[in-house]
Amino acid sequence: MLIPQHIWLALEPVDMRRGIDTLTQYITDNLHQAWQEGAAFVFCNKSHSRMKVLRWDKHGVWLCLRRLHQGHFIWPKQGDAAWNLSPEQFDWLTKGIDWQRVDGLDLSQWK
């Protein structure tokens, strides 16, 4: 999957049975964001063991699923509708590492 330029976390859990169309509608209705090339929206289930990434590029739409066999994804606390991530934070998140605490740490063994 191409590395997105703008990454948004949807803070509320979503049903992982949702597909491209219903997730796009969720982004418009709940996150008040519009489709944009280079953007990715990341969704998680209630237990934070699965995530879906919806990503647009100039050729179409990617919908990717990631499941952890142990542990859970570190997710921000409720409050805002969406959370903006840097590409490095997104990389750590998809590995199941606490991306909120990696600044200044040597995590080269995880790459």
Protein backbone atom coordinates (compact mmCIF):
# COMPACT_ATOMS: atom_id res chain seq x y z
CA MET A 1 0.00 0.00 0.00
CA LEU A 2 1.29 3.45 -0.79
CA ILE A 3 2.30 5.60 2.16
CA PRO A 4 -0.47 8.20 2.69
CA GLN A 5 0.34 11.89 2.97
CA HIS A 6 -2.53 12.69 5.35
CA ILE A 7 -3.67 10.11 7.89
CA TRP A 8 -6.76 10.40 10.05
CA LEU A 9 -7.84 8.03 12.83
CA ALA A 10 -11.56 7.63 13.38
CA LEU A 11 -11.81 7.51 17.16
CA GLU A 12 -15.18 5.79 17.41
CA PRO A 13 -15.09 2.02 16.74
CA VAL A 14 -16.77 0.83 13.55
CA ASP A 15 -18.22 -2.46 12.40
CA MET A 16 -15.46 -4.25 10.50
CA ARG A 17 -18.03 -5.60 8.04
CA ARG A 18 -18.28 -2.13 6.51
CA GLY A 19 -16.90 -1.75 3.01
CA ILE A 20 -15.61 1.11 0.89
CA ASP A 21 -18.96 2.80 0.31
CA THR A 22 -20.20 2.75 3.92
CA LEU A 23 -16.81 3.82 5.30
CA THR A 24 -16.70 6.70 2.81
CA GLN A 25 -20.19 7.72 3.94
CA TYR A 26 -19.02 7.50 7.58
CA ILE A 27 -16.12 9.86 6.79
CA THR A 28 -18.46 12.38 5.21
CA ASP A 29 -21.21 12.19 7.83
CA ASN A 30 -19.29 11.66 11.08
CA LEU A 31 -15.79 13.01 10.48
CA HIS A 32 -16.91 15.87 8.23
CA GLN A 33 -14.01 15.25 5.87
CA ALA A 34 -14.01 15.09 2.09
CA TRP A 35 -12.27 12.64 -0.20
CA GLN A 36 -8.78 13.79 -1.10
CA GLU A 37 -5.97 12.17 -3.00
CA GLY A 38 -3.17 11.03 -0.71
CA ALA A 39 -5.46 10.79 2.34
CA ALA A 40 -6.04 7.69 4.44
CA PHE A 41 -8.64 7.07 7.11
CA VAL A 42 -7.97 4.42 9.74
CA PHE A 43 -10.79 2.62 11.56
CA CYS A 44 -10.71 0.17 14.44
CA ASN A 45 -13.15 -2.29 16.01
CA LYS A 46 -14.29 -2.12 19.65
CA SER A 47 -11.61 -4.47 20.94
CA HIS A 48 -8.87 -2.67 18.94
CA SER A 49 -7.65 -5.98 17.54
CA ARG A 50 -8.53 -5.12 13.91
CA MET A 51 -8.09 -2.03 11.82
CA LYS A 52 -9.14 -1.00 8.34
CA VAL A 53 -7.41 1.63 6.25
CA LEU A 54 -9.30 3.40 3.49
CA ARG A 55 -6.91 5.15 1.11
CA TRP A 56 -7.54 7.03 -2.11
CA ASP A 57 -5.02 7.57 -4.88
CA LYS A 58 -5.41 8.91 -8.39
CA HIS A 59 -6.30 5.46 -9.72
CA GLY A 60 -8.84 4.23 -7.19
CA VAL A 61 -9.44 3.21 -3.61
CA TRP A 62 -7.52 0.84 -1.32
CA LEU A 63 -9.25 -0.92 1.57
CA CYS A 64 -6.81 -2.81 3.75
CA LEU A 65 -7.43 -4.89 6.88
CA ARG A 66 -4.90 -5.59 9.61
CA ARG A 67 -5.50 -8.00 12.49
CA LEU A 68 -3.26 -8.52 15.50
CA HIS A 69 -3.02 -12.10 16.77
CA GLN A 70 -2.04 -10.86 20.25
CA GLY A 71 -2.57 -7.56 22.00
CA HIS A 72 -4.37 -4.56 20.57
CA PHE A 73 -3.76 -1.38 18.64
CA ILE A 74 -3.10 1.71 20.74
CA TRP A 75 -5.93 4.15 20.06
CA PRO A 76 -6.43 7.73 21.28
CA LYS A 77 -9.04 8.40 23.92
CA GLN A 78 -12.55 9.42 22.89
CA GLY A 79 -13.34 13.10 22.59
CA ASP A 80 -12.51 14.29 19.10
CA ALA A 81 -14.05 12.85 15.95
CA ALA A 82 -10.69 12.19 14.25
CA TRP A 83 -6.99 12.33 15.05
CA ASN A 84 -4.28 13.32 12.56
CA LEU A 85 -1.16 11.07 12.42
CA SER A 86 2.25 11.53 10.88
CA PRO A 87 3.47 8.83 8.46
CA GLU A 88 5.93 7.60 11.13
CA GLN A 89 3.17 7.33 13.75
CA PHE A 90 1.04 5.43 11.21
CA ASP A 91 3.92 3.01 10.64
CA TRP A 92 4.23 2.32 14.37
CA LEU A 93 0.45 2.01 14.79
CA THR A 94 0.20 -0.66 12.10
CA LYS A 95 2.93 -2.64 13.90
CA GLY A 96 0.91 -2.60 17.13
CA ILE A 97 3.40 -0.33 18.93
CA ASP A 98 2.27 2.55 21.16
CA TRP A 99 2.82 5.29 18.58
CA GLN A 100 2.00 8.02 21.11
CA ARG A 101 5.20 7.25 23.06
CA VAL A 102 7.81 6.58 20.36
CA ASP A 103 9.22 10.11 20.10
CA GLY A 104 12.88 9.99 21.07
CA LEU A 105 13.03 6.21 21.52
CA ASP A 106 15.29 3.90 19.56
CA LEU A 107 12.84 1.45 18.02
CA SER A 108 15.02 0.33 15.11
CA GLN A 109 14.66 -3.33 16.11
CA TRP A 110 10.91 -3.13 15.35
CA LYS A 111 11.27 -2.07 11.72
